């Protein structure tokens, strides 16, 4: 098979990329040196957002399968790509260090030329948030959310919101955890609290009582939140994780030392890492905006720092997974699991 020579510049289409920095200040005859940095930083962000979306869609394709075989490369691939997303977001946070080499006066040299352009119009970032699991009803300033976008970008975002998000797929995946549905795993399990709550699986009878006994007197009310999360009489329709999925996630966190649960634990941990990096990026962005423009409105008409602060406080996607930490107990107090289940969780 005859091979075609590939040149570095042609492969990367550098003519297009390096020719894509048109400075508004030059078009207005008022050259602003730092506008070049501003343009390149934001172009780099959009390329990273494209890669994040590429990874999210590939993860979604795998997790949409009827069955994810733990003995196949599927779970390893998901975890690897989630790690990549988290790593890209760490880079996105550090890019703010470069942006902050621009002073407020440097920014004012060209800021007014940008109106009404704004980072708020980044449709790729909004799609990434939606594909991860941020719902429209959970967004800060919903009335402003789509108002600055072109119709074709609004359509793309709305279409992405109709698909199962990564959080939805994680919920379905957690619900499939079989260990509590297979009675043979628990035949030799003897509860320490057999009369505690006969409606619960004996493991969860023990765990609930051990958790209750671990609470300080001023924490005892937490048992109500425990029951509402894992065994609610009337499940909250607004919650994203079902009680069964929450129980599976907690079990994974508690017994992550077993080989079978290592990759599932890493998967959950990377979801929290992604949320943390998104939050850190929003926090750094908010502070940078305050440093650059103070209390003035954004170029796109938003309230500037105040809008960013509202999004920072509200836009946590995997908060229900993070909240499970409230229900952990000390490792030495964990109920011992039966040998039959240990064998399935080991090599």
C-alpha atoms as a PDB file:
ATOM      1  CA  UNK A   1       0.000   0.000   0.000  1.00  0.00           C
ATOM      2  CA  UNK A   2       1.465   3.305  -1.096  1.00  0.00           C
ATOM      3  CA  UNK A   3       1.775   5.804   1.758  1.00  0.00           C
ATOM      4  CA  UNK A   4       1.202   9.528   1.444  1.00  0.00           C
ATOM      5  CA  UNK A   5       3.755  11.883   2.907  1.00  0.00           C
ATOM      6  CA  UNK A   6       2.316  13.934   5.750  1.00  0.00           C
ATOM      7  CA  UNK A   7       3.872  17.260   6.640  1.00  0.00           C
ATOM      8  CA  UNK A   8       3.621  18.651  10.181  1.00  0.00           C
ATOM      9  CA  UNK A   9       2.132  21.990   9.072  1.00  0.00           C
ATOM     10  CA  UNK A  10      -0.413  20.367   6.783  1.00  0.00           C
ATOM     11  CA  UNK A  11      -1.466  17.768   9.357  1.00  0.00           C
ATOM     12  CA  UNK A  12      -2.136  20.440  12.004  1.00  0.00           C
ATOM     13  CA  UNK A  13      -3.542  22.902   9.439  1.00  0.00           C
ATOM     14  CA  UNK A  14      -1.296  25.563  10.907  1.00  0.00           C
ATOM     15  CA  UNK A  15      -2.137  28.042   8.162  1.00  0.00           C
ATOM     16  CA  UNK A  16      -5.715  28.102   9.494  1.00  0.00           C
ATOM     17  CA  UNK A  17      -4.810  28.046  13.176  1.00  0.00           C
ATOM     18  CA  UNK A  18      -2.037  30.646  13.082  1.00  0.00           C
ATOM     19  CA  UNK A  19      -4.086  32.868  10.815  1.00  0.00           C
ATOM     20  CA  UNK A  20      -7.097  32.860  13.139  1.00  0.00           C
ATOM     21  CA  UNK A  21      -6.014  35.671  15.469  1.00  0.00           C
ATOM     22  CA  UNK A  22      -7.704  38.765  14.090  1.00  0.00           C
ATOM     23  CA  UNK A  23      -7.401  41.590  16.588  1.00  0.00           C
ATOM     24  CA  UNK A  24     -10.381  43.917  16.883  1.00  0.00           C
ATOM     25  CA  UNK A  25      -8.089  46.672  18.114  1.00  0.00           C
ATOM     26  CA  UNK A  26      -6.122  46.502  14.842  1.00  0.00           C
ATOM     27  CA  UNK A  27      -9.343  46.712  12.834  1.00  0.00           C
ATOM     28  CA  UNK A  28     -10.205  49.875  14.804  1.00  0.00           C
ATOM     29  CA  UNK A  29      -6.750  51.374  14.266  1.00  0.00           C
ATOM     30  CA  UNK A  30      -5.925  51.260  17.996  1.00  0.00           C
ATOM     31  CA  UNK A  31      -3.496  48.339  18.407  1.00  0.00           C
ATOM     32  CA  UNK A  32      -3.657  46.724  21.874  1.00  0.00           C
ATOM     33  CA  UNK A  33      -0.711  44.414  22.502  1.00  0.00           C
ATOM     34  CA  UNK A  34      -2.443  42.161  25.059  1.00  0.00           C
ATOM     35  CA  UNK A  35      -5.394  41.364  22.817  1.00  0.00           C
ATOM     36  CA  UNK A  36      -3.285  38.696  21.122  1.00  0.00           C
ATOM     37  CA  UNK A  37      -2.884  36.903  24.447  1.00  0.00           C
ATOM     38  CA  UNK A  38      -6.612  37.282  25.149  1.00  0.00           C
ATOM     39  CA  UNK A  39      -7.573  35.726  21.802  1.00  0.00           C
ATOM     40  CA  UNK A  40      -5.106  32.824  22.003  1.00  0.00           C
ATOM     41  CA  UNK A  41      -6.086  31.916  25.578  1.00  0.00           C
ATOM     42  CA  UNK A  42      -9.766  31.746  24.622  1.00  0.00           C
ATOM     43  CA  UNK A  43      -9.078  29.792  21.439  1.00  0.00           C
ATOM     44  CA  UNK A  44      -7.065  27.313  23.510  1.00  0.00           C
ATOM     45  CA  UNK A  45     -10.010  27.001  25.914  1.00  0.00           C
ATOM     46  CA  UNK A  46     -12.381  26.200  23.059  1.00  0.00           C
ATOM     47  CA  UNK A  47     -10.016  23.520  21.739  1.00  0.00           C
ATOM     48  CA  UNK A  48      -9.861  21.969  25.204  1.00  0.00           C
ATOM     49  CA  UNK A  49     -13.669  22.110  25.467  1.00  0.00           C
ATOM     50  CA  UNK A  50     -13.851  20.276  22.147  1.00  0.00           C
ATOM     51  CA  UNK A  51     -11.573  17.545  23.503  1.00  0.00           C
ATOM     52  CA  UNK A  52     -13.611  17.295  26.729  1.00  0.00           C
ATOM     53  CA  UNK A  53     -16.805  16.849  24.698  1.00  0.00           C
ATOM     54  CA  UNK A  54     -15.062  14.217  22.567  1.00  0.00           C
ATOM     55  CA  UNK A  55     -14.136  12.273  25.721  1.00  0.00           C
ATOM     56  CA  UNK A  56     -17.593  12.644  27.309  1.00  0.00           C
ATOM     57  CA  UNK A  57     -19.316  11.298  24.198  1.00  0.00           C
ATOM     58  CA  UNK A  58     -16.948   8.318  24.002  1.00  0.00           C
ATOM     59  CA  UNK A  59     -17.576   7.530  27.700  1.00  0.00           C
ATOM     60  CA  UNK A  60     -21.323   7.846  27.102  1.00  0.00           C
ATOM     61  CA  UNK A  61     -21.162   5.381  24.216  1.00  0.00           C
ATOM     62  CA  UNK A  62     -19.524   2.766  26.445  1.00  0.00           C
ATOM     63  CA  UNK A  63     -21.782   3.370  29.439  1.00  0.00           C
ATOM     64  CA  UNK A  64     -24.899   3.149  27.264  1.00  0.00           C
ATOM     65  CA  UNK A  65     -24.211  -0.545  26.693  1.00  0.00           C
ATOM     66  CA  UNK A  66     -26.706  -2.952  28.251  1.00  0.00           C
ATOM     67  CA  UNK A  67     -23.872  -4.572  30.182  1.00  0.00           C
ATOM     68  CA  UNK A  68     -20.415  -3.249  31.012  1.00  0.00           C
ATOM     69  CA  UNK A  69     -18.118  -6.241  31.436  1.00  0.00           C
ATOM     70  CA  UNK A  70     -15.804  -5.624  34.382  1.00  0.00           C
ATOM     71  CA  UNK A  71     -13.357  -8.148  32.911  1.00  0.00           C
ATOM     72  CA  UNK A  72     -13.118  -6.259  29.628  1.00  0.00           C
ATOM     73  CA  UNK A  73     -11.251  -3.020  28.872  1.00  0.00           C
ATOM     74  CA  UNK A  74     -14.509  -1.035  29.067  1.00  0.00           C
ATOM     75  CA  UNK A  75     -14.289   0.174  32.659  1.00  0.00           C
ATOM     76  CA  UNK A  76     -10.561   0.830  32.399  1.00  0.00           C
ATOM     77  CA  UNK A  77     -11.197   2.931  29.285  1.00  0.00           C
ATOM     78  CA  UNK A  78     -13.920   4.954  31.038  1.00  0.00           C
ATOM     79  CA  UNK A  79     -11.700   5.651  34.043  1.00  0.00           C
ATOM     80  CA  UNK A  80      -8.745   6.563  31.819  1.00  0.00           C
ATOM     81  CA  UNK A  81     -10.800   9.067  29.822  1.00  0.00           C
ATOM     82  CA  UNK A  82     -12.337  10.586  32.950  1.00  0.00           C
ATOM     83  CA  UNK A  83      -8.811  11.100  34.238  1.00  0.00           C
ATOM     84  CA  UNK A  84      -7.999  12.861  30.981  1.00  0.00           C
ATOM     85  CA  UNK A  85     -10.976  15.213  31.394  1.00  0.00           C
ATOM     86  CA  UNK A  86      -9.886  16.059  34.943  1.00  0.00           C
ATOM     87  CA  UNK A  87      -6.316  16.671  33.750  1.00  0.00           C
ATOM     88  CA  UNK A  88      -7.496  18.982  30.957  1.00  0.00           C
ATOM     89  CA  UNK A  89      -9.545  20.945  33.487  1.00  0.00           C
ATOM     90  CA  UNK A  90      -6.457  21.340  35.688  1.00  0.00           C
ATOM     91  CA  UNK A  91      -4.680  22.813  32.662  1.00  0.00           C
ATOM     92  CA  UNK A  92      -7.679  25.120  32.093  1.00  0.00           C
ATOM     93  CA  UNK A  93      -7.315  26.392  35.663  1.00  0.00           C
ATOM     94  CA  UNK A  94      -3.596  27.061  35.202  1.00  0.00           C
ATOM     95  CA  UNK A  95      -4.194  28.953  31.958  1.00  0.00           C
ATOM     96  CA  UNK A  96      -5.696  31.684  34.147  1.00  0.00           C
ATOM     97  CA  UNK A  97      -2.158  32.258  35.491  1.00  0.00           C
ATOM     98  CA  UNK A  98      -1.142  33.280  31.969  1.00  0.00           C
ATOM     99  CA  UNK A  99      -4.223  35.463  31.545  1.00  0.00           C
ATOM    100  CA  UNK A 100      -3.428  37.272  34.773  1.00  0.00           C
ATOM    101  CA  UNK A 101      -0.166  38.548  33.327  1.00  0.00           C
ATOM    102  CA  UNK A 102      -2.501  41.061  31.638  1.00  0.00           C
ATOM    103  CA  UNK A 103      -3.242  44.072  33.858  1.00  0.00           C
ATOM    104  CA  UNK A 104      -6.643  45.820  34.111  1.00  0.00           C
ATOM    105  CA  UNK A 105      -5.308  48.773  32.091  1.00  0.00           C
ATOM    106  CA  UNK A 106      -4.010  46.382  29.422  1.00  0.00           C
ATOM    107  CA  UNK A 107      -7.509  44.903  29.184  1.00  0.00           C
ATOM    108  CA  UNK A 108      -9.160  48.311  28.947  1.00  0.00           C
ATOM    109  CA  UNK A 109      -7.082  49.011  25.833  1.00  0.00           C
ATOM    110  CA  UNK A 110      -9.410  46.736  23.854  1.00  0.00           C
ATOM    111  CA  UNK A 111     -12.307  45.684  26.125  1.00  0.00           C
ATOM    112  CA  UNK A 112     -14.920  48.029  24.642  1.00  0.00           C
ATOM    113  CA  UNK A 113     -14.167  46.704  21.152  1.00  0.00           C
ATOM    114  CA  UNK A 114     -15.460  43.259  22.190  1.00  0.00           C
ATOM    115  CA  UNK A 115     -19.068  44.111  23.060  1.00  0.00           C
ATOM    116  CA  UNK A 116     -21.317  42.144  23.141  1.00  0.00           C
ATOM    117  CA  UNK A 117     -18.939  39.157  22.802  1.00  0.00           C
ATOM    118  CA  UNK A 118     -18.494  37.275  26.066  1.00  0.00           C
ATOM    119  CA  UNK A 119     -17.225  33.955  27.391  1.00  0.00           C
ATOM    120  CA  UNK A 120     -20.860  33.445  28.367  1.00  0.00           C
ATOM    121  CA  UNK A 121     -21.445  32.697  24.671  1.00  0.00           C
ATOM    122  CA  UNK A 122     -19.232  29.590  24.793  1.00  0.00           C
ATOM    123  CA  UNK A 123     -21.794  27.073  23.597  1.00  0.00           C
ATOM    124  CA  UNK A 124     -19.257  24.236  23.834  1.00  0.00           C
ATOM    125  CA  UNK A 125     -18.815  24.831  27.568  1.00  0.00           C
ATOM    126  CA  UNK A 126     -22.589  24.858  28.097  1.00  0.00           C
ATOM    127  CA  UNK A 127     -22.929  21.588  26.181  1.00  0.00           C
ATOM    128  CA  UNK A 128     -20.117  20.038  28.241  1.00  0.00           C
ATOM    129  CA  UNK A 129     -21.919  21.016  31.455  1.00  0.00           C
ATOM    130  CA  UNK A 130     -25.175  19.526  30.141  1.00  0.00           C
ATOM    131  CA  UNK A 131     -23.518  16.307  28.944  1.00  0.00           C
ATOM    132  CA  UNK A 132     -21.897  15.871  32.359  1.00  0.00           C
ATOM    133  CA  UNK A 133     -25.291  16.266  34.029  1.00  0.00           C
ATOM    134  CA  UNK A 134     -26.079  19.913  34.827  1.00  0.00           C
ATOM    135  CA  UNK A 135     -29.802  20.359  34.182  1.00  0.00           C
ATOM    136  CA  UNK A 136     -31.439  23.557  32.953  1.00  0.00           C
ATOM    137  CA  UNK A 137     -33.525  23.716  36.148  1.00  0.00           C
ATOM    138  CA  UNK A 138     -30.300  23.742  38.200  1.00  0.00           C
ATOM    139  CA  UNK A 139     -28.659  26.625  36.361  1.00  0.00           C
ATOM    140  CA  UNK A 140     -28.067  30.028  37.859  1.00  0.00           C
ATOM    141  CA  UNK A 141     -29.854  32.941  36.123  1.00  0.00           C
ATOM    142  CA  UNK A 142     -31.875  30.742  33.771  1.00  0.00           C
ATOM    143  CA  UNK A 143     -33.437  33.752  32.036  1.00  0.00           C
ATOM    144  CA  UNK A 144     -29.975  34.827  30.882  1.00  0.00           C
ATOM    145  CA  UNK A 145     -28.608  31.365  30.102  1.00  0.00           C
ATOM    146  CA  UNK A 146     -29.453  31.225  26.366  1.00  0.00           C
ATOM    147  CA  UNK A 147     -30.175  34.885  25.687  1.00  0.00           C
ATOM    148  CA  UNK A 148     -26.768  35.753  24.230  1.00  0.00           C
ATOM    149  CA  UNK A 149     -26.431  32.779  21.890  1.00  0.00           C
ATOM    150  CA  UNK A 150     -27.106  32.342  18.202  1.00  0.00           C
ATOM    151  CA  UNK A 151     -30.181  30.214  17.331  1.00  0.00           C
ATOM    152  CA  UNK A 152     -28.106  27.339  15.953  1.00  0.00           C
ATOM    153  CA  UNK A 153     -26.105  27.147  19.196  1.00  0.00           C
ATOM    154  CA  UNK A 154     -29.278  27.232  21.297  1.00  0.00           C
ATOM    155  CA  UNK A 155     -30.528  24.276  19.259  1.00  0.00           C
ATOM    156  CA  UNK A 156     -27.304  22.333  19.856  1.00  0.00           C
ATOM    157  CA  UNK A 157     -27.513  22.931  23.617  1.00  0.00           C
ATOM    158  CA  UNK A 158     -31.196  21.979  23.845  1.00  0.00           C
ATOM    159  CA  UNK A 159     -30.564  18.790  21.879  1.00  0.00           C
ATOM    160  CA  UNK A 160     -27.696  17.861  24.203  1.00  0.00           C
ATOM    161  CA  UNK A 161     -29.945  18.379  27.232  1.00  0.00           C
ATOM    162  CA  UNK A 162     -32.404  15.799  25.887  1.00  0.00           C
ATOM    163  CA  UNK A 163     -29.841  12.984  25.872  1.00  0.00           C
ATOM    164  CA  UNK A 164     -28.961  10.881  28.936  1.00  0.00           C
ATOM    165  CA  UNK A 165     -26.152  12.726  30.679  1.00  0.00           C
ATOM    166  CA  UNK A 166     -23.055  11.146  32.182  1.00  0.00           C
ATOM    167  CA  UNK A 167     -24.695  11.433  35.611  1.00  0.00           C
ATOM    168  CA  UNK A 168     -27.789   9.596  34.316  1.00  0.00           C
ATOM    169  CA  UNK A 169     -25.616   6.826  32.894  1.00  0.00           C
ATOM    170  CA  UNK A 170     -23.637   6.540  36.132  1.00  0.00           C
ATOM    171  CA  UNK A 171     -26.912   6.144  38.035  1.00  0.00           C
ATOM    172  CA  UNK A 172     -27.982   3.283  35.734  1.00  0.00           C
ATOM    173  CA  UNK A 173     -24.535   1.674  36.003  1.00  0.00           C
ATOM    174  CA  UNK A 174     -24.591   1.818  39.814  1.00  0.00           C
ATOM    175  CA  UNK A 175     -28.085   0.325  39.933  1.00  0.00           C
ATOM    176  CA  UNK A 176     -26.783  -2.730  38.086  1.00  0.00           C
ATOM    177  CA  UNK A 177     -24.359  -3.660  40.889  1.00  0.00           C
ATOM    178  CA  UNK A 178     -25.432  -7.260  41.600  1.00  0.00           C
ATOM    179  CA  UNK A 179     -23.924  -8.076  44.993  1.00  0.00           C
ATOM    180  CA  UNK A 180     -27.047  -7.480  47.074  1.00  0.00           C
ATOM    181  CA  UNK A 181     -29.431  -9.131  44.608  1.00  0.00           C
ATOM    182  CA  UNK A 182     -27.619 -12.475  44.699  1.00  0.00           C
ATOM    183  CA  UNK A 183     -28.729 -14.313  47.851  1.00  0.00           C
ATOM    184  CA  UNK A 184     -25.896 -16.842  47.702  1.00  0.00           C
ATOM    185  CA  UNK A 185     -23.473 -14.003  48.561  1.00  0.00           C
ATOM    186  CA  UNK A 186     -25.063 -13.584  51.989  1.00  0.00           C
ATOM    187  CA  UNK A 187     -26.048 -17.105  53.086  1.00  0.00           C
ATOM    188  CA  UNK A 188     -23.432 -17.188  55.857  1.00  0.00           C
ATOM    189  CA  UNK A 189     -23.826 -13.588  56.971  1.00  0.00           C
ATOM    190  CA  UNK A 190     -24.979 -13.141  60.557  1.00  0.00           C
ATOM    191  CA  UNK A 191     -26.297  -9.745  61.521  1.00  0.00           C
ATOM    192  CA  UNK A 192     -25.146  -8.127  64.766  1.00  0.00           C
ATOM    193  CA  UNK A 193     -28.493  -6.312  64.952  1.00  0.00           C
ATOM    194  CA  UNK A 194     -31.051  -8.865  63.672  1.00  0.00           C
ATOM    195  CA  UNK A 195     -34.010  -6.980  65.141  1.00  0.00           C
ATOM    196  CA  UNK A 196     -32.903  -3.485  64.124  1.00  0.00           C
ATOM    197  CA  UNK A 197     -34.966  -3.204  60.952  1.00  0.00           C
ATOM    198  CA  UNK A 198     -36.252  -6.448  59.469  1.00  0.00           C
ATOM    199  CA  UNK A 199     -37.247  -4.692  56.235  1.00  0.00           C
ATOM    200  CA  UNK A 200     -33.594  -4.019  55.377  1.00  0.00           C
ATOM    201  CA  UNK A 201     -30.974  -6.340  53.972  1.00  0.00           C
ATOM    202  CA  UNK A 202     -29.008  -7.725  56.964  1.00  0.00           C
ATOM    203  CA  UNK A 203     -25.828  -5.955  55.819  1.00  0.00           C
ATOM    204  CA  UNK A 204     -27.619  -2.610  55.768  1.00  0.00           C
ATOM    205  CA  UNK A 205     -29.236  -3.353  59.139  1.00  0.00           C
ATOM    206  CA  UNK A 206     -25.732  -3.667  60.575  1.00  0.00           C
ATOM    207  CA  UNK A 207     -24.336  -0.730  58.687  1.00  0.00           C
ATOM    208  CA  UNK A 208     -27.150   1.607  59.686  1.00  0.00           C
ATOM    209  CA  UNK A 209     -26.760   0.808  63.377  1.00  0.00           C
ATOM    210  CA  UNK A 210     -22.959   1.028  63.242  1.00  0.00           C
ATOM    211  CA  UNK A 211     -23.244   4.398  61.527  1.00  0.00           C
ATOM    212  CA  UNK A 212     -25.764   5.605  64.115  1.00  0.00           C
ATOM    213  CA  UNK A 213     -23.466   4.547  66.952  1.00  0.00           C
ATOM    214  CA  UNK A 214     -20.540   6.381  65.329  1.00  0.00           C
ATOM    215  CA  UNK A 215     -22.312   9.749  65.441  1.00  0.00           C
ATOM    216  CA  UNK A 216     -21.597  12.365  68.067  1.00  0.00           C
ATOM    217  CA  UNK A 217     -24.617  13.445  70.132  1.00  0.00           C
ATOM    218  CA  UNK A 218     -24.962  16.648  68.094  1.00  0.00           C
ATOM    219  CA  UNK A 219     -24.828  14.608  64.862  1.00  0.00           C
ATOM    220  CA  UNK A 220     -27.552  12.088  65.665  1.00  0.00           C
ATOM    221  CA  UNK A 221     -30.002  13.867  63.372  1.00  0.00           C
ATOM    222  CA  UNK A 222     -27.849  12.635  60.456  1.00  0.00           C
ATOM    223  CA  UNK A 223     -29.592   9.269  60.678  1.00  0.00           C
ATOM    224  CA  UNK A 224     -32.644  10.936  59.153  1.00  0.00           C
ATOM    225  CA  UNK A 225     -30.557  12.012  56.142  1.00  0.00           C
ATOM    226  CA  UNK A 226     -29.148   8.484  55.959  1.00  0.00           C
ATOM    227  CA  UNK A 227     -32.645   7.003  55.721  1.00  0.00           C
ATOM    228  CA  UNK A 228     -33.783   9.633  53.224  1.00  0.00           C
ATOM    229  CA  UNK A 229     -30.778   8.890  50.998  1.00  0.00           C
ATOM    230  CA  UNK A 230     -30.630   5.096  51.097  1.00  0.00           C
ATOM    231  CA  UNK A 231     -34.074   3.876  52.202  1.00  0.00           C
ATOM    232  CA  UNK A 232     -36.656   6.624  51.695  1.00  0.00           C
ATOM    233  CA  UNK A 233     -40.336   5.839  52.079  1.00  0.00           C
ATOM    234  CA  UNK A 234     -41.062   8.424  49.380  1.00  0.00           C
ATOM    235  CA  UNK A 235     -38.018   9.001  47.152  1.00  0.00           C
ATOM    236  CA  UNK A 236     -37.351  12.635  46.236  1.00  0.00           C
ATOM    237  CA  UNK A 237     -38.083  13.058  42.522  1.00  0.00           C
ATOM    238  CA  UNK A 238     -35.500  15.841  42.296  1.00  0.00           C
ATOM    239  CA  UNK A 239     -32.617  13.606  43.327  1.00  0.00           C
ATOM    240  CA  UNK A 240     -30.358  12.427  40.508  1.00  0.00           C
ATOM    241  CA  UNK A 241     -29.166   9.204  42.144  1.00  0.00           C
ATOM    242  CA  UNK A 242     -31.695   6.556  43.120  1.00  0.00           C
ATOM    243  CA  UNK A 243     -31.532   4.961  46.590  1.00  0.00           C
ATOM    244  CA  UNK A 244     -30.218   1.744  45.012  1.00  0.00           C
ATOM    245  CA  UNK A 245     -27.486   3.657  43.171  1.00  0.00           C
ATOM    246  CA  UNK A 246     -26.549   5.489  46.392  1.00  0.00           C
ATOM    247  CA  UNK A 247     -26.234   2.189  48.253  1.00  0.00           C
ATOM    248  CA  UNK A 248     -24.012   0.796  45.490  1.00  0.00           C
ATOM    249  CA  UNK A 249     -21.807   3.916  45.476  1.00  0.00           C
ATOM    250  CA  UNK A 250     -21.440   3.828  49.270  1.00  0.00           C
ATOM    251  CA  UNK A 251     -20.539   0.119  49.185  1.00  0.00           C
ATOM    252  CA  UNK A 252     -17.881   0.847  46.536  1.00  0.00           C
ATOM    253  CA  UNK A 253     -16.403   3.639  48.677  1.00  0.00           C
ATOM    254  CA  UNK A 254     -16.375   1.453  51.802  1.00  0.00           C
ATOM    255  CA  UNK A 255     -14.824  -1.673  50.265  1.00  0.00           C
ATOM    256  CA  UNK A 256     -12.673  -0.120  47.548  1.00  0.00           C
ATOM    257  CA  UNK A 257      -9.660  -2.144  48.689  1.00  0.00           C
ATOM    258  CA  UNK A 258     -11.036  -5.221  46.910  1.00  0.00           C
ATOM    259  CA  UNK A 259      -9.722  -5.539  43.331  1.00  0.00           C
ATOM    260  CA  UNK A 260     -13.185  -5.711  41.745  1.00  0.00           C
ATOM    261  CA  UNK A 261     -14.116  -2.353  43.282  1.00  0.00           C
ATOM    262  CA  UNK A 262     -10.928  -0.454  42.492  1.00  0.00           C
ATOM    263  CA  UNK A 263     -11.946   0.786  39.053  1.00  0.00           C
ATOM    264  CA  UNK A 264     -15.516   1.631  40.165  1.00  0.00           C
ATOM    265  CA  UNK A 265     -14.016   3.644  43.043  1.00  0.00           C
ATOM    266  CA  UNK A 266     -11.688   5.484  40.657  1.00  0.00           C
ATOM    267  CA  UNK A 267     -14.650   6.239  38.381  1.00  0.00           C
ATOM    268  CA  UNK A 268     -16.573   7.849  41.253  1.00  0.00           C
ATOM    269  CA  UNK A 269     -13.463   9.674  42.420  1.00  0.00           C
ATOM    270  CA  UNK A 270     -12.827  11.183  38.986  1.00  0.00           C
ATOM    271  CA  UNK A 271     -16.393  12.473  38.847  1.00  0.00           C
ATOM    272  CA  UNK A 272     -15.660  14.378  42.062  1.00  0.00           C
ATOM    273  CA  UNK A 273     -12.316  15.535  40.650  1.00  0.00           C
ATOM    274  CA  UNK A 274     -14.063  16.880  37.539  1.00  0.00           C
ATOM    275  CA  UNK A 275     -16.552  18.773  39.710  1.00  0.00           C
ATOM    276  CA  UNK A 276     -13.733  20.139  41.874  1.00  0.00           C
ATOM    277  CA  UNK A 277     -11.724  21.350  38.883  1.00  0.00           C
ATOM    278  CA  UNK A 278     -14.806  22.984  37.331  1.00  0.00           C
ATOM    279  CA  UNK A 279     -15.462  24.709  40.649  1.00  0.00           C
ATOM    280  CA  UNK A 280     -11.834  25.805  40.940  1.00  0.00           C
ATOM    281  CA  UNK A 281     -11.948  27.175  37.386  1.00  0.00           C
ATOM    282  CA  UNK A 282     -15.116  29.150  38.176  1.00  0.00           C
ATOM    283  CA  UNK A 283     -13.562  30.489  41.385  1.00  0.00           C
ATOM    284  CA  UNK A 284     -10.364  31.588  39.635  1.00  0.00           C
ATOM    285  CA  UNK A 285     -12.387  33.084  36.788  1.00  0.00           C
ATOM    286  CA  UNK A 286     -14.585  35.008  39.230  1.00  0.00           C
ATOM    287  CA  UNK A 287     -11.588  36.463  41.055  1.00  0.00           C
ATOM    288  CA  UNK A 288      -9.845  37.325  37.808  1.00  0.00           C
ATOM    289  CA  UNK A 289     -12.932  39.172  36.558  1.00  0.00           C
ATOM    290  CA  UNK A 290     -13.167  41.080  39.848  1.00  0.00           C
ATOM    291  CA  UNK A 291      -9.503  42.009  39.533  1.00  0.00           C
ATOM    292  CA  UNK A 292      -9.887  43.123  35.919  1.00  0.00           C
ATOM    293  CA  UNK A 293     -13.209  45.016  35.913  1.00  0.00           C
ATOM    294  CA  UNK A 294     -14.247  45.348  39.565  1.00  0.00           C
ATOM    295  CA  UNK A 295     -18.019  45.634  39.863  1.00  0.00           C
ATOM    296  CA  UNK A 296     -18.675  46.638  36.241  1.00  0.00           C
ATOM    297  CA  UNK A 297     -20.952  44.559  34.020  1.00  0.00           C
ATOM    298  CA  UNK A 298     -19.508  41.966  31.665  1.00  0.00           C
ATOM    299  CA  UNK A 299     -19.076  42.696  27.956  1.00  0.00           C
ATOM    300  CA  UNK A 300     -22.053  40.423  27.277  1.00  0.00           C
ATOM    301  CA  UNK A 301     -24.284  42.289  29.718  1.00  0.00           C
ATOM    302  CA  UNK A 302     -24.056  39.924  32.698  1.00  0.00           C
ATOM    303  CA  UNK A 303     -23.523  41.167  36.231  1.00  0.00           C
ATOM    304  CA  UNK A 304     -19.871  40.174  35.973  1.00  0.00           C
ATOM    305  CA  UNK A 305     -18.469  38.886  39.239  1.00  0.00           C
ATOM    306  CA  UNK A 306     -21.932  38.451  40.820  1.00  0.00           C
ATOM    307  CA  UNK A 307     -23.128  36.183  38.013  1.00  0.00           C
ATOM    308  CA  UNK A 308     -19.961  34.095  38.256  1.00  0.00           C
ATOM    309  CA  UNK A 309     -20.351  33.799  42.027  1.00  0.00           C
ATOM    310  CA  UNK A 310     -23.933  32.553  41.601  1.00  0.00           C
ATOM    311  CA  UNK A 311     -22.783  29.912  39.107  1.00  0.00           C
ATOM    312  CA  UNK A 312     -19.914  28.897  41.389  1.00  0.00           C
ATOM    313  CA  UNK A 313     -22.294  28.326  44.295  1.00  0.00           C
ATOM    314  CA  UNK A 314     -24.938  26.455  42.292  1.00  0.00           C
ATOM    315  CA  UNK A 315     -23.313  24.522  39.450  1.00  0.00           C
ATOM    316  CA  UNK A 316     -22.091  21.421  41.284  1.00  0.00           C
ATOM    317  CA  UNK A 317     -22.974  18.416  39.144  1.00  0.00           C
ATOM    318  CA  UNK A 318     -21.964  15.391  41.237  1.00  0.00           C
ATOM    319  CA  UNK A 319     -22.897  16.779  44.637  1.00  0.00           C
ATOM    320  CA  UNK A 320     -24.971  13.723  45.566  1.00  0.00           C
ATOM    321  CA  UNK A 321     -21.911  11.500  45.146  1.00  0.00           C
ATOM    322  CA  UNK A 322     -19.843  13.939  47.213  1.00  0.00           C
ATOM    323  CA  UNK A 323     -22.490  13.921  49.960  1.00  0.00           C
ATOM    324  CA  UNK A 324     -22.036  10.172  50.496  1.00  0.00           C
ATOM    325  CA  UNK A 325     -18.872  10.970  52.442  1.00  0.00           C
ATOM    326  CA  UNK A 326     -21.180  12.032  55.290  1.00  0.00           C
ATOM    327  CA  UNK A 327     -22.195   8.394  55.730  1.00  0.00           C
ATOM    328  CA  UNK A 328     -18.790   6.701  55.926  1.00  0.00           C
ATOM    329  CA  UNK A 329     -17.656   4.897  59.072  1.00  0.00           C
ATOM    330  CA  UNK A 330     -14.191   3.953  60.301  1.00  0.00           C
ATOM    331  CA  UNK A 331     -12.561   1.111  58.380  1.00  0.00           C
ATOM    332  CA  UNK A 332     -12.061  -0.980  61.520  1.00  0.00           C
ATOM    333  CA  UNK A 333     -15.819  -0.893  62.196  1.00  0.00           C
ATOM    334  CA  UNK A 334     -16.942  -2.066  58.765  1.00  0.00           C
ATOM    335  CA  UNK A 335     -19.146  -5.176  58.774  1.00  0.00           C
ATOM    336  CA  UNK A 336     -17.166  -8.218  57.668  1.00  0.00           C
ATOM    337  CA  UNK A 337     -18.496  -9.499  54.362  1.00  0.00           C
ATOM    338  CA  UNK A 338     -19.004 -13.249  53.739  1.00  0.00           C
ATOM    339  CA  UNK A 339     -16.310 -15.377  52.109  1.00  0.00           C
ATOM    340  CA  UNK A 340     -18.534 -16.038  49.062  1.00  0.00           C
ATOM    341  CA  UNK A 341     -18.715 -12.326  48.301  1.00  0.00           C
ATOM    342  CA  UNK A 342     -15.037 -11.772  49.115  1.00  0.00           C
ATOM    343  CA  UNK A 343     -14.169 -14.361  46.491  1.00  0.00           C
ATOM    344  CA  UNK A 344     -16.140 -12.440  43.861  1.00  0.00           C
ATOM    345  CA  UNK A 345     -14.509  -9.160  44.809  1.00  0.00           C
ATOM    346  CA  UNK A 346     -10.981 -10.564  44.651  1.00  0.00           C
ATOM    347  CA  UNK A 347      -8.805 -11.731  41.812  1.00  0.00           C
END
